[in-house]
Amino acid sequence: GYLSNPHLLGGIEAVKHLVIGEDPANIEEIWQKIFHLHSD
């Protein structure tokens, strides 16, 4: 995101706990999980 990279770095750290421990095969499930938990 160029100028927004610092925000994106913080964002990845904020959502990684939602991904760790998951089966990486469940690509759509992980996508939906992160998307709907941050709908605001």
Full PDB file with SEQRES, HELIX, SHEET, SSBOND, CRYST1, ORIGX, SCALE, CONECT and MASTER records, all heavy atoms in Angstrom:
SEQRES   1 A   40  GLY TYR LEU SER ASN PRO HIS LEU LEU GLY GLY ILE GLU          
SEQRES   2 A   40  ALA VAL LYS HIS LEU VAL ILE GLY GLU ASP PRO ALA ASN          
SEQRES   3 A   40  ILE GLU GLU ILE TRP GLN LYS ILE PHE HIS LEU HIS SER          
SEQRES   4 A   40  ASP                                                          
HELIX    1 AA1 TYR A    2  SER A    4  5                                   3    
HELIX    2 AA2 ASN A    5  VAL A   15  1                                  11    
HELIX    3 AA3 LYS A   16  LEU A   18  5                                   3    
HELIX    4 AA4 ILE A   27  LEU A   37  1                                  11    
CRYST1    1.000    1.000    1.000  90.00  90.00  90.00 P 1           1          
ORIGX1      1.000000  0.000000  0.000000        0.00000                         
ORIGX2      0.000000  1.000000  0.000000        0.00000                         
ORIGX3      0.000000  0.000000  1.000000        0.00000                         
SCALE1      1.000000  0.000000  0.000000        0.00000                         
SCALE2      0.000000  1.000000  0.000000        0.00000                         
SCALE3      0.000000  0.000000  1.000000        0.00000                         
ATOM      1  N   GLY A   1       0.814  -1.208   0.000  1.00  0.00           N  
ATOM      2  CA  GLY A   1       0.000   0.000   0.000  1.00  0.00           C  
ATOM      3  C   GLY A   1       0.847   1.257   0.000  1.00  0.00           C  
ATOM      4  O   GLY A   1       0.327   2.346   0.199  1.00  0.00           O  
ATOM      5  N   TYR A   2       2.172   1.116  -0.199  1.00  0.00           N  
ATOM      6  CA  TYR A   2       3.116   2.232  -0.201  1.00  0.00           C  
ATOM      7  C   TYR A   2       2.968   3.080   1.063  1.00  0.00           C  
ATOM      8  O   TYR A   2       3.387   2.670   2.128  1.00  0.00           O  
ATOM      9  CB  TYR A   2       2.978   3.056  -1.480  1.00  0.00           C  
ATOM     10  CG  TYR A   2       3.267   2.272  -2.729  1.00  0.00           C  
ATOM     11  CD1 TYR A   2       2.356   2.211  -3.781  1.00  0.00           C  
ATOM     12  CD2 TYR A   2       4.444   1.544  -2.850  1.00  0.00           C  
ATOM     13  CE1 TYR A   2       2.625   1.462  -4.925  1.00  0.00           C  
ATOM     14  CE2 TYR A   2       4.724   0.802  -3.985  1.00  0.00           C  
ATOM     15  CZ  TYR A   2       3.811   0.762  -5.024  1.00  0.00           C  
ATOM     16  OH  TYR A   2       4.068   0.025  -6.130  1.00  0.00           O  
ATOM     17  N   LEU A   3       2.334   4.240   0.991  1.00  0.00           N  
ATOM     18  CA  LEU A   3       2.247   5.107   2.163  1.00  0.00           C  
ATOM     19  C   LEU A   3       1.440   4.470   3.298  1.00  0.00           C  
ATOM     20  O   LEU A   3       1.618   4.815   4.466  1.00  0.00           O  
ATOM     21  CB  LEU A   3       1.629   6.453   1.791  1.00  0.00           C  
ATOM     22  CG  LEU A   3       2.491   7.366   0.906  1.00  0.00           C  
ATOM     23  CD1 LEU A   3       1.730   8.639   0.563  1.00  0.00           C  
ATOM     24  CD2 LEU A   3       3.827   7.697   1.566  1.00  0.00           C  
ATOM     25  N   SER A   4       0.547   3.538   2.977  1.00  0.00           N  
ATOM     26  CA  SER A   4      -0.265   2.891   4.014  1.00  0.00           C  
ATOM     27  C   SER A   4       0.363   1.606   4.531  1.00  0.00           C  
ATOM     28  O   SER A   4      -0.242   0.910   5.348  1.00  0.00           O  
ATOM     29  CB  SER A   4      -1.672   2.602   3.484  1.00  0.00           C  
ATOM     30  OG  SER A   4      -1.631   1.721   2.373  1.00  0.00           O  
ATOM     31  N   ASN A   5       1.577   1.289   4.080  1.00  0.00           N  
ATOM     32  CA  ASN A   5       2.227   0.058   4.545  1.00  0.00           C  
ATOM     33  C   ASN A   5       2.307  -0.045   6.069  1.00  0.00           C  
ATOM     34  O   ASN A   5       2.074  -1.120   6.623  1.00  0.00           O  
ATOM     35  CB  ASN A   5       3.633  -0.062   3.942  1.00  0.00           C  
ATOM     36  CG  ASN A   5       3.611  -0.619   2.536  1.00  0.00           C  
ATOM     37  OD1 ASN A   5       2.606  -1.154   2.073  1.00  0.00           O  
ATOM     38  ND2 ASN A   5       4.729  -0.491   1.834  1.00  0.00           N  
ATOM     39  N   PRO A   6       2.662   1.029   6.794  1.00  0.00           N  
ATOM     40  CA  PRO A   6       2.716   0.908   8.260  1.00  0.00           C  
ATOM     41  C   PRO A   6       1.380   0.473   8.866  1.00  0.00           C  
ATOM     42  O   PRO A   6       1.343  -0.311   9.813  1.00  0.00           O  
ATOM     43  CB  PRO A   6       3.108   2.315   8.709  1.00  0.00           C  
ATOM     44  CG  PRO A   6       3.877   2.874   7.557  1.00  0.00           C  
ATOM     45  CD  PRO A   6       3.179   2.342   6.347  1.00  0.00           C  
ATOM     46  N   HIS A   7       0.267   0.973   8.304  1.00  0.00           N  
ATOM     47  CA  HIS A   7      -1.053   0.570   8.794  1.00  0.00           C  
ATOM     48  C   HIS A   7      -1.321  -0.895   8.477  1.00  0.00           C  
ATOM     49  O   HIS A   7      -1.897  -1.626   9.292  1.00  0.00           O  
ATOM     50  CB  HIS A   7      -2.137   1.443   8.159  1.00  0.00           C  
ATOM     51  CG  HIS A   7      -1.991   2.899   8.446  1.00  0.00           C  
ATOM     52  ND1 HIS A   7      -2.307   3.442   9.663  1.00  0.00           N  
ATOM     53  CD2 HIS A   7      -1.550   3.929   7.677  1.00  0.00           C  
ATOM     54  CE1 HIS A   7      -2.091   4.744   9.639  1.00  0.00           C  
ATOM     55  NE2 HIS A   7      -1.614   5.058   8.451  1.00  0.00           N  
ATOM     56  N   LEU A   8      -0.909  -1.320   7.300  1.00  0.00           N  
ATOM     57  CA  LEU A   8      -1.126  -2.712   6.899  1.00  0.00           C  
ATOM     58  C   LEU A   8      -0.288  -3.664   7.746  1.00  0.00           C  
ATOM     59  O   LEU A   8      -0.729  -4.761   8.097  1.00  0.00           O  
ATOM     60  CB  LEU A   8      -0.801  -2.882   5.416  1.00  0.00           C  
ATOM     61  CG  LEU A   8      -1.729  -2.122   4.458  1.00  0.00           C  
ATOM     62  CD1 LEU A   8      -1.171  -2.141   3.043  1.00  0.00           C  
ATOM     63  CD2 LEU A   8      -3.121  -2.711   4.487  1.00  0.00           C  
ATOM     64  N   LEU A   9       0.931  -3.252   8.079  1.00  0.00           N  
ATOM     65  CA  LEU A   9       1.770  -4.070   8.954  1.00  0.00           C  
ATOM     66  C   LEU A   9       1.082  -4.284  10.300  1.00  0.00           C  
ATOM     67  O   LEU A   9       1.040  -5.399  10.824  1.00  0.00           O  
ATOM     68  CB  LEU A   9       3.129  -3.398   9.161  1.00  0.00           C  
ATOM     69  CG  LEU A   9       4.112  -3.468   7.998  1.00  0.00           C  
ATOM     70  CD1 LEU A   9       5.266  -2.497   8.230  1.00  0.00           C  
ATOM     71  CD2 LEU A   9       4.649  -4.887   7.833  1.00  0.00           C  
ATOM     72  N   GLY A  10       0.543  -3.205  10.854  1.00  0.00           N  
ATOM     73  CA  GLY A  10      -0.177  -3.339  12.116  1.00  0.00           C  
ATOM     74  C   GLY A  10      -1.422  -4.181  11.970  1.00  0.00           C  
ATOM     75  O   GLY A  10      -1.781  -4.942  12.877  1.00  0.00           O  
ATOM     76  N   GLY A  11      -2.079  -4.066  10.821  1.00  0.00           N  
ATOM     77  CA  GLY A  11      -3.285  -4.850  10.583  1.00  0.00           C  
ATOM     78  C   GLY A  11      -3.021  -6.337  10.508  1.00  0.00           C  
ATOM     79  O   GLY A  11      -3.791  -7.152  11.029  1.00  0.00           O  
ATOM     80  N   ILE A  12      -1.933  -6.712   9.835  1.00  0.00           N  
ATOM     81  CA  ILE A  12      -1.579  -8.134   9.758  1.00  0.00           C  
ATOM     82  C   ILE A  12      -1.326  -8.685  11.154  1.00  0.00           C  
ATOM     83  O   ILE A  12      -1.759  -9.792  11.503  1.00  0.00           O  
ATOM     84  CB  ILE A  12      -0.330  -8.341   8.868  1.00  0.00           C  
ATOM     85  CG1 ILE A  12      -0.650  -7.991   7.408  1.00  0.00           C  
ATOM     86  CG2 ILE A  12       0.177  -9.770   8.977  1.00  0.00           C  
ATOM     87  CD1 ILE A  12      -1.646  -8.911   6.745  1.00  0.00           C  
ATOM     88  N   GLU A  13      -0.627  -7.924  11.988  1.00  0.00           N  
ATOM     89  CA  GLU A  13      -0.379  -8.358  13.362  1.00  0.00           C  
ATOM     90  C   GLU A  13      -1.686  -8.495  14.141  1.00  0.00           C  
ATOM     91  O   GLU A  13      -1.829  -9.371  15.002  1.00  0.00           O  
ATOM     92  CB  GLU A  13       0.542  -7.362  14.072  1.00  0.00           C  
ATOM     93  CG  GLU A  13       1.980  -7.399  13.587  1.00  0.00           C  
ATOM     94  CD  GLU A  13       2.637  -8.751  13.826  1.00  0.00           C  
ATOM     95  OE1 GLU A  13       2.493  -9.288  14.941  1.00  0.00           O  
ATOM     96  OE2 GLU A  13       3.266  -9.265  12.894  1.00  0.00           O  
ATOM     97  N   ALA A  14      -2.658  -7.632  13.836  1.00  0.00           N  
ATOM     98  CA  ALA A  14      -3.925  -7.647  14.564  1.00  0.00           C  
ATOM     99  C   ALA A  14      -4.807  -8.836  14.191  1.00  0.00           C  
ATOM    100  O   ALA A  14      -5.611  -9.289  15.012  1.00  0.00           O  
ATOM    101  CB  ALA A  14      -4.683  -6.343  14.311  1.00  0.00           C  
ATOM    102  N   VAL A  15      -4.669  -9.361  12.957  1.00  0.00           N  
ATOM    103  CA  VAL A  15      -5.549 -10.451  12.527  1.00  0.00           C  
ATOM    104  C   VAL A  15      -4.860 -11.820  12.523  1.00  0.00           C  
ATOM    105  O   VAL A  15      -5.530 -12.838  12.345  1.00  0.00           O  
ATOM    106  CB  VAL A  15      -6.129 -10.186  11.117  1.00  0.00           C  
ATOM    107  CG1 VAL A  15      -6.867  -8.858  11.091  1.00  0.00           C  
ATOM    108  CG2 VAL A  15      -5.044 -10.225  10.040  1.00  0.00           C  
ATOM    109  N   LYS A  16      -3.550 -11.853  12.739  1.00  0.00           N  
ATOM    110  CA  LYS A  16      -2.835 -13.128  12.615  1.00  0.00           C  
ATOM    111  C   LYS A  16      -3.324 -14.176  13.616  1.00  0.00           C  
ATOM    112  O   LYS A  16      -3.291 -15.370  13.329  1.00  0.00           O  
ATOM    113  CB  LYS A  16      -1.323 -12.927  12.731  1.00  0.00           C  
ATOM    114  CG  LYS A  16      -0.860 -12.445  14.072  1.00  0.00           C  
ATOM    115  CD  LYS A  16       0.635 -12.075  14.047  1.00  0.00           C  
ATOM    116  CE  LYS A  16       1.528 -13.270  13.908  1.00  0.00           C  
ATOM    117  NZ  LYS A  16       2.977 -12.893  13.991  1.00  0.00           N  
ATOM    118  N   HIS A  17      -3.805 -13.731  14.791  1.00  0.00           N  
ATOM    119  CA  HIS A  17      -4.289 -14.706  15.776  1.00  0.00           C  
ATOM    120  C   HIS A  17      -5.540 -15.435  15.276  1.00  0.00           C  
ATOM    121  O   HIS A  17      -5.863 -16.523  15.765  1.00  0.00           O  
ATOM    122  CB  HIS A  17      -4.582 -14.010  17.103  1.00  0.00           C  
ATOM    123  CG  HIS A  17      -5.821 -13.158  17.080  1.00  0.00           C  
ATOM    124  ND1 HIS A  17      -5.839 -11.893  16.519  1.00  0.00           N  
ATOM    125  CD2 HIS A  17      -7.076 -13.390  17.536  1.00  0.00           C  
ATOM    126  CE1 HIS A  17      -7.047 -11.378  16.640  1.00  0.00           C  
ATOM    127  NE2 HIS A  17      -7.819 -12.263  17.257  1.00  0.00           N  
ATOM    128  N   LEU A  18      -6.232 -14.842  14.299  1.00  0.00           N  
ATOM    129  CA  LEU A  18      -7.398 -15.490  13.724  1.00  0.00           C  
ATOM    130  C   LEU A  18      -7.009 -16.579  12.732  1.00  0.00           C  
ATOM    131  O   LEU A  18      -7.840 -17.415  12.362  1.00  0.00           O  
ATOM    132  CB  LEU A  18      -8.272 -14.451  13.005  1.00  0.00           C  
ATOM    133  CG  LEU A  18      -8.810 -13.306  13.859  1.00  0.00           C  
ATOM    134  CD1 LEU A  18      -9.499 -12.275  12.978  1.00  0.00           C  
ATOM    135  CD2 LEU A  18      -9.757 -13.841  14.926  1.00  0.00           C  
ATOM    136  N   VAL A  19      -5.754 -16.566  12.323  1.00  0.00           N  
ATOM    137  CA  VAL A  19      -5.276 -17.487  11.286  1.00  0.00           C  
ATOM    138  C   VAL A  19      -4.448 -18.621  11.886  1.00  0.00           C  
ATOM    139  O   VAL A  19      -4.555 -19.776  11.456  1.00  0.00           O  
ATOM    140  CB  VAL A  19      -4.433 -16.709  10.247  1.00  0.00           C  
ATOM    141  CG1 VAL A  19      -3.869 -17.643   9.193  1.00  0.00           C  
ATOM    142  CG2 VAL A  19      -5.268 -15.608   9.613  1.00  0.00           C  
ATOM    143  N   ILE A  20      -3.629 -18.303  12.884  1.00  0.00           N  
ATOM    144  CA  ILE A  20      -2.769 -19.314  13.497  1.00  0.00           C  
ATOM    145  C   ILE A  20      -3.614 -20.429  14.106  1.00  0.00           C  
ATOM    146  O   ILE A  20      -4.583 -20.172  14.814  1.00  0.00           O  
ATOM    147  CB  ILE A  20      -1.860 -18.677  14.563  1.00  0.00           C  
ATOM    148  CG1 ILE A  20      -0.851 -17.732  13.895  1.00  0.00           C  
ATOM    149  CG2 ILE A  20      -1.121 -19.741  15.369  1.00  0.00           C  
ATOM    150  CD1 ILE A  20       0.013 -16.956  14.865  1.00  0.00           C  
ATOM    151  N   GLY A  21      -3.215 -21.661  13.800  1.00  0.00           N  
ATOM    152  CA  GLY A  21      -3.945 -22.834  14.278  1.00  0.00           C  
ATOM    153  C   GLY A  21      -4.972 -23.359  13.294  1.00  0.00           C  
ATOM    154  O   GLY A  21      -5.484 -24.471  13.461  1.00  0.00           O  
ATOM    155  N   GLU A  22      -5.261 -22.577  12.242  1.00  0.00           N  
ATOM    156  CA  GLU A  22      -6.233 -23.006  11.246  1.00  0.00           C  
ATOM    157  C   GLU A  22      -5.590 -23.920  10.208  1.00  0.00           C  
ATOM    158  O   GLU A  22      -4.374 -23.911  10.006  1.00  0.00           O  
ATOM    159  CB  GLU A  22      -6.837 -21.787  10.547  1.00  0.00           C  
ATOM    160  CG  GLU A  22      -7.658 -20.888  11.448  1.00  0.00           C  
ATOM    161  CD  GLU A  22      -8.961 -21.548  11.884  1.00  0.00           C  
ATOM    162  OE1 GLU A  22      -9.478 -22.408  11.139  1.00  0.00           O  
ATOM    163  OE2 GLU A  22      -9.471 -21.195  12.964  1.00  0.00           O  
ATOM    164  N   ASP A  23      -6.427 -24.696   9.533  1.00  0.00           N  
ATOM    165  CA  ASP A  23      -5.979 -25.524   8.416  1.00  0.00           C  
ATOM    166  C   ASP A  23      -5.851 -24.619   7.196  1.00  0.00           C  
ATOM    167  O   ASP A  23      -6.827 -23.988   6.782  1.00  0.00           O  
ATOM    168  CB  ASP A  23      -7.013 -26.625   8.161  1.00  0.00           C  
ATOM    169  CG  ASP A  23      -6.614 -27.569   7.035  1.00  0.00           C  
ATOM    170  OD1 ASP A  23      -5.686 -27.252   6.267  1.00  0.00           O  
ATOM    171  OD2 ASP A  23      -7.241 -28.641   6.925  1.00  0.00           O  
ATOM    172  N   PRO A  24      -4.667 -24.503   6.588  1.00  0.00           N  
ATOM    173  CA  PRO A  24      -4.496 -23.603   5.440  1.00  0.00           C  
ATOM    174  C   PRO A  24      -5.305 -24.003   4.219  1.00  0.00           C  
ATOM    175  O   PRO A  24      -5.408 -23.210   3.273  1.00  0.00           O  
ATOM    176  CB  PRO A  24      -2.988 -23.661   5.164  1.00  0.00           C  
ATOM    177  CG  PRO A  24      -2.541 -24.959   5.740  1.00  0.00           C  
ATOM    178  CD  PRO A  24      -3.405 -25.176   6.951  1.00  0.00           C  
ATOM    179  N   ALA A  25      -5.876 -25.213   4.227  1.00  0.00           N  
ATOM    180  CA  ALA A  25      -6.722 -25.626   3.106  1.00  0.00           C  
ATOM    181  C   ALA A  25      -8.029 -24.858   3.086  1.00  0.00           C  
ATOM    182  O   ALA A  25      -8.649 -24.687   2.039  1.00  0.00           O  
ATOM    183  CB  ALA A  25      -7.022 -27.118   3.195  1.00  0.00           C  
ATOM    184  N   ASN A  26      -8.467 -24.377   4.250  1.00  0.00           N  
ATOM    185  CA  ASN A  26      -9.778 -23.736   4.358  1.00  0.00           C  
ATOM    186  C   ASN A  26      -9.683 -22.257   3.982  1.00  0.00           C  
ATOM    187  O   ASN A  26      -9.921 -21.366   4.803  1.00  0.00           O  
ATOM    188  CB  ASN A  26     -10.315 -23.897   5.777  1.00  0.00           C  
ATOM    189  CG  ASN A  26     -10.476 -25.353   6.149  1.00  0.00           C  
ATOM    190  OD1 ASN A  26     -10.700 -26.215   5.292  1.00  0.00           O  
ATOM    191  ND2 ASN A  26     -10.369 -25.650   7.426  1.00  0.00           N  
ATOM    192  N   ILE A  27      -9.328 -22.022   2.755  1.00  0.00           N  
ATOM    193  CA  ILE A  27      -9.059 -20.669   2.285  1.00  0.00           C  
ATOM    194  C   ILE A  27     -10.288 -19.776   2.390  1.00  0.00           C  
ATOM    195  O   ILE A  27     -10.229 -18.655   2.905  1.00  0.00           O  
ATOM    196  CB  ILE A  27      -8.540 -20.700   0.829  1.00  0.00           C  
ATOM    197  CG1 ILE A  27      -7.226 -21.486   0.755  1.00  0.00           C  
ATOM    198  CG2 ILE A  27      -8.351 -19.284   0.288  1.00  0.00           C  
ATOM    199  CD1 ILE A  27      -6.714 -21.695  -0.654  1.00  0.00           C  
ATOM    200  N   GLU A  28     -11.426 -20.261   1.923  1.00  0.00           N  
ATOM    201  CA  GLU A  28     -12.647 -19.447   1.946  1.00  0.00           C  
ATOM    202  C   GLU A  28     -13.122 -19.196   3.375  1.00  0.00           C  
ATOM    203  O   GLU A  28     -13.568 -18.083   3.704  1.00  0.00           O  
ATOM    204  CB  GLU A  28     -13.749 -20.138   1.138  1.00  0.00           C  
ATOM    205  CG  GLU A  28     -15.052 -19.353   1.066  1.00  0.00           C  
ATOM    206  CD  GLU A  28     -14.910 -18.026   0.325  1.00  0.00           C  
ATOM    207  OE1 GLU A  28     -13.939 -17.867  -0.457  1.00  0.00           O  
ATOM    208  OE2 GLU A  28     -15.766 -17.137   0.530  1.00  0.00           O  
ATOM    209  N   GLU A  29     -13.030 -20.200   4.223  1.00  0.00           N  
ATOM    210  CA  GLU A  29     -13.455 -20.045   5.615  1.00  0.00           C  
ATOM    211  C   GLU A  29     -12.619 -18.973   6.322  1.00  0.00           C  
ATOM    212  O   GLU A  29     -13.154 -18.132   7.067  1.00  0.00           O  
ATOM    213  CB  GLU A  29     -13.329 -21.367   6.361  1.00  0.00           C  
ATOM    214  CG  GLU A  29     -13.746 -21.288   7.823  1.00  0.00           C  
ATOM    215  CD  GLU A  29     -13.558 -22.601   8.563  1.00  0.00           C  
ATOM    216  OE1 GLU A  29     -12.965 -23.535   7.990  1.00  0.00           O  
ATOM    217  OE2 GLU A  29     -13.994 -22.678   9.718  1.00  0.00           O  
ATOM    218  N   ILE A  30     -11.306 -18.991   6.095  1.00  0.00           N  
ATOM    219  CA  ILE A  30     -10.427 -17.999   6.711  1.00  0.00           C  
ATOM    220  C   ILE A  30     -10.736 -16.610   6.176  1.00  0.00           C  
ATOM    221  O   ILE A  30     -10.769 -15.629   6.931  1.00  0.00           O  
ATOM    222  CB  ILE A  30      -8.945 -18.371   6.471  1.00  0.00           C  
ATOM    223  CG1 ILE A  30      -8.606 -19.652   7.257  1.00  0.00           C  
ATOM    224  CG2 ILE A  30      -8.010 -17.233   6.854  1.00  0.00           C  
ATOM    225  CD1 ILE A  30      -7.245 -20.228   6.942  1.00  0.00           C  
ATOM    226  N   TRP A  31     -10.990 -16.509   4.868  1.00  0.00           N  
ATOM    227  CA  TRP A  31     -11.349 -15.220   4.262  1.00  0.00           C  
ATOM    228  C   TRP A  31     -12.602 -14.654   4.915  1.00  0.00           C  
ATOM    229  O   TRP A  31     -12.635 -13.485   5.332  1.00  0.00           O  
ATOM    230  CB  TRP A  31     -11.566 -15.413   2.759  1.00  0.00           C  
ATOM    231  CG  TRP A  31     -11.591 -14.150   1.957  1.00  0.00           C  
ATOM    232  CD1 TRP A  31     -10.587 -13.636   1.196  1.00  0.00           C  
ATOM    233  CD2 TRP A  31     -12.692 -13.230   1.820  1.00  0.00           C  
ATOM    234  NE1 TRP A  31     -10.987 -12.461   0.595  1.00  0.00           N  
ATOM    235  CE2 TRP A  31     -12.277 -12.189   0.968  1.00  0.00           C  
ATOM    236  CE3 TRP A  31     -13.987 -13.196   2.348  1.00  0.00           C  
ATOM    237  CZ2 TRP A  31     -13.105 -11.132   0.622  1.00  0.00           C  
ATOM    238  CZ3 TRP A  31     -14.818 -12.132   2.014  1.00  0.00           C  
ATOM    239  CH2 TRP A  31     -14.374 -11.114   1.158  1.00  0.00           C  
ATOM    240  N   GLN A  32     -13.641 -15.480   4.998  1.00  0.00           N  
ATOM    241  CA  GLN A  32     -14.909 -15.018   5.565  1.00  0.00           C  
ATOM    242  C   GLN A  32     -14.775 -14.656   7.044  1.00  0.00           C  
ATOM    243  O   GLN A  32     -15.387 -13.689   7.520  1.00  0.00           O  
ATOM    244  CB  GLN A  32     -15.978 -16.107   5.388  1.00  0.00           C  
ATOM    245  CG  GLN A  32     -16.349 -16.425   3.954  1.00  0.00           C  
ATOM    246  CD  GLN A  32     -17.152 -15.319   3.289  1.00  0.00           C  
ATOM    247  OE1 GLN A  32     -17.676 -14.436   3.956  1.00  0.00           O  
ATOM    248  NE2 GLN A  32     -17.247 -15.377   1.971  1.00  0.00           N  
ATOM    249  N   LYS A  33     -13.989 -15.416   7.758  1.00  0.00           N  
ATOM    250  CA  LYS A  33     -13.797 -15.179   9.188  1.00  0.00           C  
ATOM    251  C   LYS A  33     -13.215 -13.792   9.434  1.00  0.00           C  
ATOM    252  O   LYS A  33     -13.731 -13.015  10.252  1.00  0.00           O  
ATOM    253  CB  LYS A  33     -12.881 -16.260   9.766  1.00  0.00           C  
ATOM    254  CG  LYS A  33     -12.600 -16.150  11.251  1.00  0.00           C  
ATOM    255  CD  LYS A  33     -11.689 -17.293  11.680  1.00  0.00           C  
ATOM    256  CE  LYS A  33     -11.390 -17.255  13.164  1.00  0.00           C  
ATOM    257  NZ  LYS A  33     -10.478 -18.382  13.559  1.00  0.00           N  
ATOM    258  N   ILE A  34     -12.128 -13.459   8.746  1.00  0.00           N  
ATOM    259  CA  ILE A  34     -11.493 -12.153   8.938  1.00  0.00           C  
ATOM    260  C   ILE A  34     -12.412 -11.031   8.447  1.00  0.00           C  
ATOM    261  O   ILE A  34     -12.571 -10.000   9.102  1.00  0.00           O  
ATOM    262  CB  ILE A  34     -10.139 -12.096   8.207  1.00  0.00           C  
ATOM    263  CG1 ILE A  34      -9.192 -13.168   8.750  1.00  0.00           C  
ATOM    264  CG2 ILE A  34      -9.506 -10.714   8.353  1.00  0.00           C  
ATOM    265  CD1 ILE A  34      -7.886 -13.273   7.980  1.00  0.00           C  
ATOM    266  N   PHE A  35     -13.045 -11.246   7.314  1.00  0.00           N  
ATOM    267  CA  PHE A  35     -13.886 -10.219   6.700  1.00  0.00           C  
ATOM    268  C   PHE A  35     -15.044  -9.828   7.618  1.00  0.00           C  
ATOM    269  O   PHE A  35     -15.275  -8.647   7.889  1.00  0.00           O  
ATOM    270  CB  PHE A  35     -14.420 -10.729   5.361  1.00  0.00           C  
ATOM    271  CG  PHE A  35     -15.251  -9.738   4.599  1.00  0.00           C  
ATOM    272  CD1 PHE A  35     -14.650  -8.814   3.754  1.00  0.00           C  
ATOM    273  CD2 PHE A  35     -16.634  -9.726   4.727  1.00  0.00           C  
ATOM    274  CE1 PHE A  35     -15.414  -7.894   3.042  1.00  0.00           C  
ATOM    275  CE2 PHE A  35     -17.407  -8.815   4.023  1.00  0.00           C  
ATOM    276  CZ  PHE A  35     -16.794  -7.900   3.178  1.00  0.00           C  
ATOM    277  N   HIS A  36     -15.785 -10.813   8.120  1.00  0.00           N  
ATOM    278  CA  HIS A  36     -16.990 -10.513   8.893  1.00  0.00           C  
ATOM    279  C   HIS A  36     -16.685 -10.041  10.309  1.00  0.00           C  
ATOM    280  O   HIS A  36     -17.472  -9.285  10.889  1.00  0.00           O  
ATOM    281  CB  HIS A  36     -17.905 -11.732   8.914  1.00  0.00           C  
ATOM    282  CG  HIS A  36     -18.539 -12.014   7.579  1.00  0.00           C  
ATOM    283  ND1 HIS A  36     -19.442 -11.164   6.993  1.00  0.00           N  
ATOM    284  CD2 HIS A  36     -18.361 -13.041   6.702  1.00  0.00           C  
ATOM    285  CE1 HIS A  36     -19.816 -11.647   5.818  1.00  0.00           C  
ATOM    286  NE2 HIS A  36     -19.176 -12.785   5.614  1.00  0.00           N  
ATOM    287  N   LEU A  37     -15.550 -10.456  10.871  1.00  0.00           N  
ATOM    288  CA  LEU A  37     -15.197  -9.977  12.201  1.00  0.00           C  
ATOM    289  C   LEU A  37     -14.740  -8.518  12.185  1.00  0.00           C  
ATOM    290  O   LEU A  37     -14.623  -7.890  13.242  1.00  0.00           O  
ATOM    291  CB  LEU A  37     -14.101 -10.861  12.810  1.00  0.00           C  
ATOM    292  CG  LEU A  37     -14.556 -12.235  13.308  1.00  0.00           C  
ATOM    293  CD1 LEU A  37     -13.360 -13.052  13.781  1.00  0.00           C  
ATOM    294  CD2 LEU A  37     -15.580 -12.097  14.432  1.00  0.00           C  
ATOM    295  N   HIS A  38     -14.477  -7.975  10.994  1.00  0.00           N  
ATOM    296  CA  HIS A  38     -14.022  -6.585  10.890  1.00  0.00           C  
ATOM    297  C   HIS A  38     -14.941  -5.785   9.974  1.00  0.00           C  
ATOM    298  O   HIS A  38     -14.507  -4.862   9.290  1.00  0.00           O  
ATOM    299  CB  HIS A  38     -12.579  -6.542  10.378  1.00  0.00           C  
ATOM    300  CG  HIS A  38     -11.606  -7.174  11.300  1.00  0.00           C  
ATOM    301  ND1 HIS A  38     -11.355  -8.537  11.293  1.00  0.00           N  
ATOM    302  CD2 HIS A  38     -10.829  -6.658  12.289  1.00  0.00           C  
ATOM    303  CE1 HIS A  38     -10.457  -8.820  12.226  1.00  0.00           C  
ATOM    304  NE2 HIS A  38     -10.132  -7.709  12.844  1.00  0.00           N  
ATOM    305  N   SER A  39     -16.221  -6.133   9.975  1.00  0.00           N  
ATOM    306  CA  SER A  39     -17.174  -5.474   9.076  1.00  0.00           C  
ATOM    307  C   SER A  39     -17.386  -3.999   9.406  1.00  0.00           C  
ATOM    308  O   SER A  39     -17.928  -3.242   8.593  1.00  0.00           O  
ATOM    309  CB  SER A  39     -18.517  -6.201   9.123  1.00  0.00           C  
ATOM    310  OG  SER A  39     -19.041  -6.200  10.450  1.00  0.00           O  
ATOM    311  N   ASP A  40     -16.966  -3.573  10.608  1.00  0.00           N  
ATOM    312  CA  ASP A  40     -17.120  -2.168  10.979  1.00  0.00           C  
ATOM    313  C   ASP A  40     -15.923  -1.319  10.573  1.00  0.00           C  
ATOM    314  O   ASP A  40     -15.874  -0.130  10.867  1.00  0.00           O  
ATOM    315  CB  ASP A  40     -17.335  -2.047  12.488  1.00  0.00           C  
ATOM    316  CG  ASP A  40     -16.186  -2.631  13.299  1.00  0.00           C  
ATOM    317  OD1 ASP A  40     -15.482  -3.518  12.766  1.00  0.00           O  
ATOM    318  OD2 ASP A  40     -15.985  -2.205  14.455  1.00  0.00           O  
TER     319      ASP A  40                                                      
MASTER        0    0    0    4    0    0    0    6  318    1    0    4          
END                                                                             
